[in-house]
Amino acid sequence: MVQDLRYPNFYKSEAVKKIGINYALSFPVCGENETVLAVITMFSREYQDYNLELLNVVTAISRQIGQFMEKRKIERDLHKQNWRSLLLADIALRIRQSLNLQEILNTSVIEIRKFIRADRVLIYRFHDDWSGIVEVESLNPKWRSSLHTDFQDTCFQSGYWKPYQEGRKLAIDNIAESDLSECHN
Protein backbone atom coordinates (compact mmCIF):
# COMPACT_ATOMS: atom_id res chain seq x y z
CA MET A 1 0.00 0.00 0.00
CA VAL A 2 1.32 3.48 -0.95
CA GLN A 3 0.51 6.11 1.60
CA ASP A 4 1.42 9.77 1.40
CA LEU A 5 3.20 10.63 4.61
CA ARG A 6 1.52 14.04 4.73
CA TYR A 7 -1.86 12.31 5.17
CA PRO A 8 -1.08 9.34 7.44
CA ASN A 9 -4.59 9.29 8.93
CA PHE A 10 -6.47 9.54 5.63
CA TYR A 11 -7.92 6.06 5.89
CA LYS A 12 -8.82 6.62 9.55
CA SER A 13 -10.87 9.80 8.99
CA GLU A 14 -14.60 9.67 9.66
CA ALA A 15 -15.49 11.01 6.19
CA VAL A 16 -13.49 8.26 4.47
CA LYS A 17 -15.02 5.60 6.71
CA LYS A 18 -18.54 6.96 6.14
CA ILE A 19 -18.17 6.88 2.34
CA GLY A 20 -16.42 3.56 2.49
CA ILE A 21 -13.24 4.49 0.67
CA ASN A 22 -10.57 1.85 0.97
CA TYR A 23 -8.22 2.99 -1.79
CA ALA A 24 -7.13 6.39 -3.04
CA LEU A 25 -4.57 7.38 -5.61
CA SER A 26 -3.63 10.96 -6.41
CA PHE A 27 -1.14 12.10 -8.96
CA PRO A 28 -0.19 15.44 -10.47
CA VAL A 29 -0.98 16.61 -13.96
CA CYS A 30 2.15 18.48 -14.95
CA GLY A 31 2.94 20.72 -17.85
CA GLU A 32 6.29 21.61 -19.22
CA ASN A 33 8.88 22.45 -16.57
CA GLU A 34 7.00 20.10 -14.26
CA THR A 35 4.53 22.85 -13.32
CA VAL A 36 1.56 21.27 -11.56
CA LEU A 37 -1.59 22.17 -13.49
CA ALA A 38 -4.04 19.90 -11.68
CA VAL A 39 -4.30 16.81 -9.53
CA ILE A 40 -6.24 13.72 -10.49
CA THR A 41 -7.55 11.69 -7.58
CA MET A 42 -9.17 8.28 -7.80
CA PHE A 43 -11.11 6.59 -5.01
CA SER A 44 -12.31 3.03 -4.70
CA ARG A 45 -14.31 1.09 -2.16
CA GLU A 46 -12.26 -1.98 -2.98
CA TYR A 47 -8.87 -2.55 -1.40
CA GLN A 48 -6.09 -2.44 -3.97
CA ASP A 49 -2.43 -3.19 -3.65
CA TYR A 50 0.22 -0.82 -4.86
CA ASN A 51 0.78 -1.57 -8.51
CA LEU A 52 3.83 -0.12 -10.27
CA GLU A 53 2.35 -0.83 -13.72
CA LEU A 54 -0.84 1.07 -12.82
CA LEU A 55 1.22 3.94 -11.49
CA ASN A 56 3.25 4.08 -14.73
CA VAL A 57 0.08 4.08 -16.87
CA VAL A 58 -1.51 6.79 -14.74
CA THR A 59 1.67 8.87 -14.92
CA ALA A 60 1.72 8.57 -18.73
CA ILE A 61 -1.94 9.59 -18.90
CA SER A 62 -1.32 12.56 -16.64
CA ARG A 63 1.52 13.72 -18.93
CA GLN A 64 -0.82 13.52 -21.92
CA ILE A 65 -3.52 15.44 -20.06
CA GLY A 66 -0.96 18.07 -19.02
CA GLN A 67 0.21 18.52 -22.60
CA PHE A 68 -3.39 18.79 -23.77
CA MET A 69 -4.21 21.36 -21.06
CA GLU A 70 -1.21 23.48 -22.01
CA LYS A 71 -2.07 23.21 -25.70
CA ARG A 72 -5.66 24.33 -25.01
CA LYS A 73 -4.42 27.26 -22.91
CA ILE A 74 -2.09 28.35 -25.71
CA GLU A 75 -4.96 28.04 -28.20
CA ARG A 76 -7.25 30.12 -25.95
CA ASP A 77 -4.54 32.76 -25.49
CA LEU A 78 -3.95 32.93 -29.25
CA HIS A 79 -7.68 33.14 -29.89
CA LYS A 80 -7.96 35.97 -27.36
CA GLN A 81 -4.99 37.75 -28.94
CA ASN A 82 -6.47 37.35 -32.44
CA TRP A 83 -9.83 38.61 -31.19
CA ARG A 84 -8.17 41.71 -29.69
CA SER A 85 -6.27 42.37 -32.91
CA LEU A 86 -9.45 42.09 -34.98
CA LEU A 87 -11.33 44.31 -32.56
CA LEU A 88 -8.60 46.97 -32.65
CA ALA A 89 -8.54 46.83 -36.45
CA ASP A 90 -12.33 47.21 -36.49
CA ILE A 91 -12.14 50.19 -34.14
CA ALA A 92 -9.44 51.82 -36.26
CA LEU A 93 -11.50 51.25 -39.42
CA ARG A 94 -14.60 52.84 -37.89
CA ILE A 95 -12.57 55.81 -36.73
CA ARG A 96 -10.98 56.27 -40.18
CA GLN A 97 -14.34 56.08 -41.97
CA SER A 98 -15.28 59.51 -40.72
CA LEU A 99 -13.77 62.85 -41.60
CA ASN A 100 -15.66 64.62 -38.83
CA LEU A 101 -13.39 65.12 -35.78
CA GLN A 102 -16.25 65.06 -33.27
CA GLU A 103 -17.54 61.80 -34.74
CA ILE A 104 -14.03 60.29 -34.66
CA LEU A 105 -13.60 61.25 -30.99
CA ASN A 106 -17.05 59.94 -30.02
CA THR A 107 -16.48 56.67 -31.86
CA SER A 108 -13.10 56.34 -30.18
CA VAL A 109 -14.37 56.65 -26.61
CA ILE A 110 -17.36 54.39 -27.29
CA GLU A 111 -15.25 51.63 -28.83
CA ILE A 112 -12.47 51.92 -26.26
CA ARG A 113 -15.00 51.68 -23.42
CA LYS A 114 -16.50 48.54 -24.97
CA PHE A 115 -13.07 47.04 -25.58
CA ILE A 116 -11.71 47.53 -22.08
CA ARG A 117 -15.11 47.13 -20.37
CA ALA A 118 -14.79 50.41 -18.49
CA ASP A 119 -17.51 52.45 -16.82
CA ARG A 120 -16.24 55.71 -18.29
CA VAL A 121 -13.84 56.76 -21.02
CA LEU A 122 -13.32 60.42 -21.77
CA ILE A 123 -11.05 62.73 -23.68
CA TYR A 124 -9.88 65.68 -21.64
CA ARG A 125 -8.75 68.49 -23.97
CA PHE A 126 -6.28 71.03 -22.61
CA HIS A 127 -6.57 74.80 -22.87
CA ASP A 128 -3.45 76.96 -23.23
CA ASP A 129 -3.12 77.27 -19.43
CA TRP A 130 -3.35 73.46 -18.98
CA SER A 131 -6.83 73.65 -17.53
CA GLY A 132 -9.21 71.65 -19.66
CA ILE A 133 -12.60 70.42 -20.68
CA VAL A 134 -14.15 66.98 -21.07
CA GLU A 135 -14.51 67.07 -24.85
CA VAL A 136 -16.16 63.66 -25.38
CA GLU A 137 -17.27 60.89 -23.09
CA SER A 138 -18.74 57.41 -23.12
CA LEU A 139 -20.13 56.19 -19.83
CA ASN A 140 -22.22 53.61 -18.06
CA PRO A 141 -25.79 54.98 -17.78
CA LYS A 142 -25.55 54.72 -13.98
CA TRP A 143 -22.77 57.34 -13.97
CA ARG A 144 -23.25 61.12 -14.04
CA SER A 145 -21.86 62.74 -17.13
CA SER A 146 -19.01 65.22 -17.01
CA LEU A 147 -19.28 66.07 -20.71
CA HIS A 148 -18.32 69.72 -21.49
CA THR A 149 -17.25 70.28 -17.88
CA ASP A 150 -14.32 72.64 -17.41
CA PHE A 151 -11.65 71.51 -14.93
CA GLN A 152 -8.88 73.45 -13.27
CA ASP A 153 -6.53 70.51 -12.72
CA THR A 154 -3.65 72.02 -10.77
CA CYS A 155 -1.58 68.89 -11.35
CA PHE A 156 -1.52 69.42 -15.09
CA GLN A 157 -1.18 73.18 -14.66
CA SER A 158 1.97 72.60 -12.57
CA GLY A 159 3.62 70.46 -15.26
CA TYR A 160 2.15 67.00 -14.73
CA TRP A 161 1.45 66.86 -18.48
CA LYS A 162 5.17 66.51 -19.26
CA PRO A 163 5.49 62.75 -18.46
CA TYR A 164 2.50 62.09 -20.75
CA GLN A 165 4.16 64.07 -23.53
CA GLU A 166 7.14 61.72 -23.10
CA GLY A 167 4.88 58.68 -23.56
CA ARG A 168 3.87 57.90 -19.99
CA LYS A 169 0.98 55.50 -19.49
CA LEU A 170 -0.69 54.96 -16.15
CA ALA A 171 -2.69 51.97 -14.93
CA ILE A 172 -3.93 51.73 -11.34
CA ASP A 173 -5.41 48.41 -10.20
CA ASN A 174 -6.97 49.78 -7.01
CA ILE A 175 -7.19 53.55 -6.70
CA ALA A 176 -8.20 53.40 -3.02
CA GLU A 177 -4.99 51.56 -2.14
CA SER A 178 -2.70 53.32 -4.60
CA ASP A 179 0.06 55.70 -3.71
CA LEU A 180 -0.88 58.52 -6.06
CA SER A 181 1.32 61.55 -5.89
CA GLU A 182 0.38 64.40 -3.55
CA CYS A 183 -0.79 66.21 -6.65
CA HIS A 184 -3.74 63.80 -6.97
CA ASN A 185 -4.61 63.29 -3.28
C-alpha atoms as a PDB file:
ATOM      1  CA  MET A   1       0.000   0.000   0.000  1.00  0.00           C
ATOM      2  CA  VAL A   2       1.323   3.477  -0.947  1.00  0.00           C
ATOM      3  CA  GLN A   3       0.515   6.112   1.603  1.00  0.00           C
ATOM      4  CA  ASP A   4       1.421   9.773   1.401  1.00  0.00           C
ATOM      5  CA  LEU A   5       3.199  10.625   4.612  1.00  0.00           C
ATOM      6  CA  ARG A   6       1.523  14.042   4.732  1.00  0.00           C
ATOM      7  CA  TYR A   7      -1.861  12.310   5.172  1.00  0.00           C
ATOM      8  CA  PRO A   8      -1.075   9.340   7.441  1.00  0.00           C
ATOM      9  CA  ASN A   9      -4.587   9.295   8.929  1.00  0.00           C
ATOM     10  CA  PHE A  10      -6.472   9.543   5.626  1.00  0.00           C
ATOM     11  CA  TYR A  11      -7.919   6.056   5.893  1.00  0.00           C
ATOM     12  CA  LYS A  12      -8.822   6.623   9.549  1.00  0.00           C
ATOM     13  CA  SER A  13     -10.865   9.797   8.988  1.00  0.00           C
ATOM     14  CA  GLU A  14     -14.602   9.669   9.657  1.00  0.00           C
ATOM     15  CA  ALA A  15     -15.488  11.013   6.188  1.00  0.00           C
ATOM     16  CA  VAL A  16     -13.493   8.264   4.471  1.00  0.00           C
ATOM     17  CA  LYS A  17     -15.024   5.599   6.710  1.00  0.00           C
ATOM     18  CA  LYS A  18     -18.538   6.958   6.142  1.00  0.00           C
ATOM     19  CA  ILE A  19     -18.169   6.879   2.345  1.00  0.00           C
ATOM     20  CA  GLY A  20     -16.424   3.555   2.489  1.00  0.00           C
ATOM     21  CA  ILE A  21     -13.242   4.487   0.672  1.00  0.00           C
ATOM     22  CA  ASN A  22     -10.574   1.849   0.970  1.00  0.00           C
ATOM     23  CA  TYR A  23      -8.215   2.986  -1.787  1.00  0.00           C
ATOM     24  CA  ALA A  24      -7.127   6.385  -3.042  1.00  0.00           C
ATOM     25  CA  LEU A  25      -4.570   7.380  -5.606  1.00  0.00           C
ATOM     26  CA  SER A  26      -3.634  10.965  -6.407  1.00  0.00           C
ATOM     27  CA  PHE A  27      -1.144  12.105  -8.961  1.00  0.00           C
ATOM     28  CA  PRO A  28      -0.187  15.440 -10.465  1.00  0.00           C
ATOM     29  CA  VAL A  29      -0.980  16.610 -13.960  1.00  0.00           C
ATOM     30  CA  CYS A  30       2.150  18.478 -14.954  1.00  0.00           C
ATOM     31  CA  GLY A  31       2.938  20.719 -17.849  1.00  0.00           C
ATOM     32  CA  GLU A  32       6.293  21.614 -19.221  1.00  0.00           C
ATOM     33  CA  ASN A  33       8.881  22.453 -16.574  1.00  0.00           C
ATOM     34  CA  GLU A  34       6.996  20.097 -14.257  1.00  0.00           C
ATOM     35  CA  THR A  35       4.533  22.853 -13.325  1.00  0.00           C
ATOM     36  CA  VAL A  36       1.561  21.265 -11.559  1.00  0.00           C
ATOM     37  CA  LEU A  37      -1.586  22.172 -13.488  1.00  0.00           C
ATOM     38  CA  ALA A  38      -4.036  19.896 -11.676  1.00  0.00           C
ATOM     39  CA  VAL A  39      -4.303  16.809  -9.527  1.00  0.00           C
ATOM     40  CA  ILE A  40      -6.242  13.723 -10.489  1.00  0.00           C
ATOM     41  CA  THR A  41      -7.554  11.688  -7.585  1.00  0.00           C
ATOM     42  CA  MET A  42      -9.173   8.278  -7.796  1.00  0.00           C
ATOM     43  CA  PHE A  43     -11.105   6.595  -5.007  1.00  0.00           C
ATOM     44  CA  SER A  44     -12.311   3.029  -4.702  1.00  0.00           C
ATOM     45  CA  ARG A  45     -14.307   1.091  -2.155  1.00  0.00           C
ATOM     46  CA  GLU A  46     -12.256  -1.985  -2.979  1.00  0.00           C
ATOM     47  CA  TYR A  47      -8.874  -2.548  -1.403  1.00  0.00           C
ATOM     48  CA  GLN A  48      -6.093  -2.441  -3.967  1.00  0.00           C
ATOM     49  CA  ASP A  49      -2.430  -3.194  -3.655  1.00  0.00           C
ATOM     50  CA  TYR A  50       0.225  -0.819  -4.859  1.00  0.00           C
ATOM     51  CA  ASN A  51       0.778  -1.566  -8.511  1.00  0.00           C
ATOM     52  CA  LEU A  52       3.830  -0.119 -10.269  1.00  0.00           C
ATOM     53  CA  GLU A  53       2.353  -0.826 -13.717  1.00  0.00           C
ATOM     54  CA  LEU A  54      -0.842   1.066 -12.824  1.00  0.00           C
ATOM     55  CA  LEU A  55       1.223   3.942 -11.494  1.00  0.00           C
ATOM     56  CA  ASN A  56       3.247   4.076 -14.732  1.00  0.00           C
ATOM     57  CA  VAL A  57       0.078   4.079 -16.873  1.00  0.00           C
ATOM     58  CA  VAL A  58      -1.511   6.794 -14.735  1.00  0.00           C
ATOM     59  CA  THR A  59       1.671   8.866 -14.923  1.00  0.00           C
ATOM     60  CA  ALA A  60       1.715   8.571 -18.729  1.00  0.00           C
ATOM     61  CA  ILE A  61      -1.939   9.586 -18.897  1.00  0.00           C
ATOM     62  CA  SER A  62      -1.321  12.561 -16.643  1.00  0.00           C
ATOM     63  CA  ARG A  63       1.516  13.720 -18.926  1.00  0.00           C
ATOM     64  CA  GLN A  64      -0.821  13.520 -21.919  1.00  0.00           C
ATOM     65  CA  ILE A  65      -3.523  15.440 -20.056  1.00  0.00           C
ATOM     66  CA  GLY A  66      -0.961  18.072 -19.019  1.00  0.00           C
ATOM     67  CA  GLN A  67       0.212  18.517 -22.604  1.00  0.00           C
ATOM     68  CA  PHE A  68      -3.391  18.790 -23.768  1.00  0.00           C
ATOM     69  CA  MET A  69      -4.213  21.357 -21.057  1.00  0.00           C
ATOM     70  CA  GLU A  70      -1.214  23.476 -22.015  1.00  0.00           C
ATOM     71  CA  LYS A  71      -2.072  23.208 -25.702  1.00  0.00           C
ATOM     72  CA  ARG A  72      -5.662  24.330 -25.006  1.00  0.00           C
ATOM     73  CA  LYS A  73      -4.416  27.255 -22.908  1.00  0.00           C
ATOM     74  CA  ILE A  74      -2.095  28.345 -25.709  1.00  0.00           C
ATOM     75  CA  GLU A  75      -4.963  28.044 -28.198  1.00  0.00           C
ATOM     76  CA  ARG A  76      -7.250  30.125 -25.950  1.00  0.00           C
ATOM     77  CA  ASP A  77      -4.541  32.757 -25.493  1.00  0.00           C
ATOM     78  CA  LEU A  78      -3.953  32.930 -29.252  1.00  0.00           C
ATOM     79  CA  HIS A  79      -7.683  33.144 -29.893  1.00  0.00           C
ATOM     80  CA  LYS A  80      -7.963  35.973 -27.364  1.00  0.00           C
ATOM     81  CA  GLN A  81      -4.993  37.754 -28.936  1.00  0.00           C
ATOM     82  CA  ASN A  82      -6.470  37.353 -32.439  1.00  0.00           C
ATOM     83  CA  TRP A  83      -9.832  38.612 -31.186  1.00  0.00           C
ATOM     84  CA  ARG A  84      -8.167  41.708 -29.692  1.00  0.00           C
ATOM     85  CA  SER A  85      -6.272  42.374 -32.912  1.00  0.00           C
ATOM     86  CA  LEU A  86      -9.452  42.086 -34.979  1.00  0.00           C
ATOM     87  CA  LEU A  87     -11.325  44.315 -32.557  1.00  0.00           C
ATOM     88  CA  LEU A  88      -8.604  46.967 -32.654  1.00  0.00           C
ATOM     89  CA  ALA A  89      -8.536  46.828 -36.449  1.00  0.00           C
ATOM     90  CA  ASP A  90     -12.330  47.210 -36.494  1.00  0.00           C
ATOM     91  CA  ILE A  91     -12.142  50.193 -34.141  1.00  0.00           C
ATOM     92  CA  ALA A  92      -9.439  51.817 -36.261  1.00  0.00           C
ATOM     93  CA  LEU A  93     -11.502  51.251 -39.415  1.00  0.00           C
ATOM     94  CA  ARG A  94     -14.603  52.835 -37.888  1.00  0.00           C
ATOM     95  CA  ILE A  95     -12.567  55.806 -36.733  1.00  0.00           C
ATOM     96  CA  ARG A  96     -10.980  56.272 -40.181  1.00  0.00           C
ATOM     97  CA  GLN A  97     -14.344  56.078 -41.967  1.00  0.00           C
ATOM     98  CA  SER A  98     -15.278  59.510 -40.716  1.00  0.00           C
ATOM     99  CA  LEU A  99     -13.767  62.851 -41.601  1.00  0.00           C
ATOM    100  CA  ASN A 100     -15.664  64.624 -38.829  1.00  0.00           C
ATOM    101  CA  LEU A 101     -13.387  65.115 -35.783  1.00  0.00           C
ATOM    102  CA  GLN A 102     -16.255  65.064 -33.271  1.00  0.00           C
ATOM    103  CA  GLU A 103     -17.542  61.799 -34.745  1.00  0.00           C
ATOM    104  CA  ILE A 104     -14.029  60.295 -34.662  1.00  0.00           C
ATOM    105  CA  LEU A 105     -13.596  61.246 -30.991  1.00  0.00           C
ATOM    106  CA  ASN A 106     -17.054  59.945 -30.020  1.00  0.00           C
ATOM    107  CA  THR A 107     -16.483  56.672 -31.862  1.00  0.00           C
ATOM    108  CA  SER A 108     -13.098  56.344 -30.176  1.00  0.00           C
ATOM    109  CA  VAL A 109     -14.368  56.650 -26.607  1.00  0.00           C
ATOM    110  CA  ILE A 110     -17.356  54.387 -27.286  1.00  0.00           C
ATOM    111  CA  GLU A 111     -15.249  51.632 -28.834  1.00  0.00           C
ATOM    112  CA  ILE A 112     -12.467  51.916 -26.262  1.00  0.00           C
ATOM    113  CA  ARG A 113     -15.001  51.677 -23.417  1.00  0.00           C
ATOM    114  CA  LYS A 114     -16.500  48.543 -24.973  1.00  0.00           C
ATOM    115  CA  PHE A 115     -13.071  47.042 -25.581  1.00  0.00           C
ATOM    116  CA  ILE A 116     -11.707  47.535 -22.081  1.00  0.00           C
ATOM    117  CA  ARG A 117     -15.111  47.126 -20.367  1.00  0.00           C
ATOM    118  CA  ALA A 118     -14.789  50.409 -18.490  1.00  0.00           C
ATOM    119  CA  ASP A 119     -17.507  52.452 -16.823  1.00  0.00           C
ATOM    120  CA  ARG A 120     -16.242  55.706 -18.289  1.00  0.00           C
ATOM    121  CA  VAL A 121     -13.840  56.761 -21.016  1.00  0.00           C
ATOM    122  CA  LEU A 122     -13.318  60.419 -21.769  1.00  0.00           C
ATOM    123  CA  ILE A 123     -11.046  62.728 -23.679  1.00  0.00           C
ATOM    124  CA  TYR A 124      -9.880  65.684 -21.641  1.00  0.00           C
ATOM    125  CA  ARG A 125      -8.749  68.493 -23.966  1.00  0.00           C
ATOM    126  CA  PHE A 126      -6.281  71.029 -22.615  1.00  0.00           C
ATOM    127  CA  HIS A 127      -6.573  74.800 -22.869  1.00  0.00           C
ATOM    128  CA  ASP A 128      -3.454  76.957 -23.227  1.00  0.00           C
ATOM    129  CA  ASP A 129      -3.122  77.271 -19.426  1.00  0.00           C
ATOM    130  CA  TRP A 130      -3.349  73.460 -18.976  1.00  0.00           C
ATOM    131  CA  SER A 131      -6.827  73.652 -17.527  1.00  0.00           C
ATOM    132  CA  GLY A 132      -9.208  71.648 -19.664  1.00  0.00           C
ATOM    133  CA  ILE A 133     -12.603  70.421 -20.677  1.00  0.00           C
ATOM    134  CA  VAL A 134     -14.148  66.980 -21.074  1.00  0.00           C
ATOM    135  CA  GLU A 135     -14.514  67.069 -24.846  1.00  0.00           C
ATOM    136  CA  VAL A 136     -16.164  63.661 -25.375  1.00  0.00           C
ATOM    137  CA  GLU A 137     -17.268  60.892 -23.086  1.00  0.00           C
ATOM    138  CA  SER A 138     -18.745  57.411 -23.121  1.00  0.00           C
ATOM    139  CA  LEU A 139     -20.132  56.193 -19.829  1.00  0.00           C
ATOM    140  CA  ASN A 140     -22.219  53.611 -18.063  1.00  0.00           C
ATOM    141  CA  PRO A 141     -25.787  54.980 -17.784  1.00  0.00           C
ATOM    142  CA  LYS A 142     -25.546  54.724 -13.982  1.00  0.00           C
ATOM    143  CA  TRP A 143     -22.774  57.341 -13.970  1.00  0.00           C
ATOM    144  CA  ARG A 144     -23.248  61.115 -14.038  1.00  0.00           C
ATOM    145  CA  SER A 145     -21.861  62.738 -17.134  1.00  0.00           C
ATOM    146  CA  SER A 146     -19.012  65.219 -17.005  1.00  0.00           C
ATOM    147  CA  LEU A 147     -19.279  66.072 -20.711  1.00  0.00           C
ATOM    148  CA  HIS A 148     -18.321  69.715 -21.491  1.00  0.00           C
ATOM    149  CA  THR A 149     -17.252  70.281 -17.880  1.00  0.00           C
ATOM    150  CA  ASP A 150     -14.322  72.637 -17.414  1.00  0.00           C
ATOM    151  CA  PHE A 151     -11.654  71.510 -14.935  1.00  0.00           C
ATOM    152  CA  GLN A 152      -8.875  73.452 -13.268  1.00  0.00           C
ATOM    153  CA  ASP A 153      -6.528  70.511 -12.717  1.00  0.00           C
ATOM    154  CA  THR A 154      -3.650  72.024 -10.770  1.00  0.00           C
ATOM    155  CA  CYS A 155      -1.578  68.895 -11.347  1.00  0.00           C
ATOM    156  CA  PHE A 156      -1.517  69.421 -15.092  1.00  0.00           C
ATOM    157  CA  GLN A 157      -1.176  73.183 -14.659  1.00  0.00           C
ATOM    158  CA  SER A 158       1.969  72.602 -12.570  1.00  0.00           C
ATOM    159  CA  GLY A 159       3.615  70.456 -15.263  1.00  0.00           C
ATOM    160  CA  TYR A 160       2.152  67.002 -14.727  1.00  0.00           C
ATOM    161  CA  TRP A 161       1.451  66.860 -18.475  1.00  0.00           C
ATOM    162  CA  LYS A 162       5.171  66.509 -19.255  1.00  0.00           C
ATOM    163  CA  PRO A 163       5.488  62.753 -18.458  1.00  0.00           C
ATOM    164  CA  TYR A 164       2.498  62.093 -20.752  1.00  0.00           C
ATOM    165  CA  GLN A 165       4.161  64.066 -23.533  1.00  0.00           C
ATOM    166  CA  GLU A 166       7.142  61.723 -23.101  1.00  0.00           C
ATOM    167  CA  GLY A 167       4.876  58.679 -23.558  1.00  0.00           C
ATOM    168  CA  ARG A 168       3.866  57.897 -19.993  1.00  0.00           C
ATOM    169  CA  LYS A 169       0.984  55.496 -19.490  1.00  0.00           C
ATOM    170  CA  LEU A 170      -0.690  54.955 -16.153  1.00  0.00           C
ATOM    171  CA  ALA A 171      -2.692  51.972 -14.928  1.00  0.00           C
ATOM    172  CA  ILE A 172      -3.926  51.726 -11.341  1.00  0.00           C
ATOM    173  CA  ASP A 173      -5.414  48.414 -10.205  1.00  0.00           C
ATOM    174  CA  ASN A 174      -6.968  49.782  -7.014  1.00  0.00           C
ATOM    175  CA  ILE A 175      -7.192  53.547  -6.697  1.00  0.00           C
ATOM    176  CA  ALA A 176      -8.195  53.403  -3.021  1.00  0.00           C
ATOM    177  CA  GLU A 177      -4.987  51.555  -2.145  1.00  0.00           C
ATOM    178  CA  SER A 178      -2.695  53.317  -4.604  1.00  0.00           C
ATOM    179  CA  ASP A 179       0.064  55.703  -3.710  1.00  0.00           C
ATOM    180  CA  LEU A 180      -0.885  58.518  -6.059  1.00  0.00           C
ATOM    181  CA  SER A 181       1.317  61.554  -5.891  1.00  0.00           C
ATOM    182  CA  GLU A 182       0.383  64.404  -3.549  1.00  0.00           C
ATOM    183  CA  CYS A 183      -0.793  66.209  -6.653  1.00  0.00           C
ATOM    184  CA  HIS A 184      -3.736  63.803  -6.966  1.00  0.00           C
ATOM    185  CA  ASN A 185      -4.609  63.290  -3.282  1.00  0.00           C
END
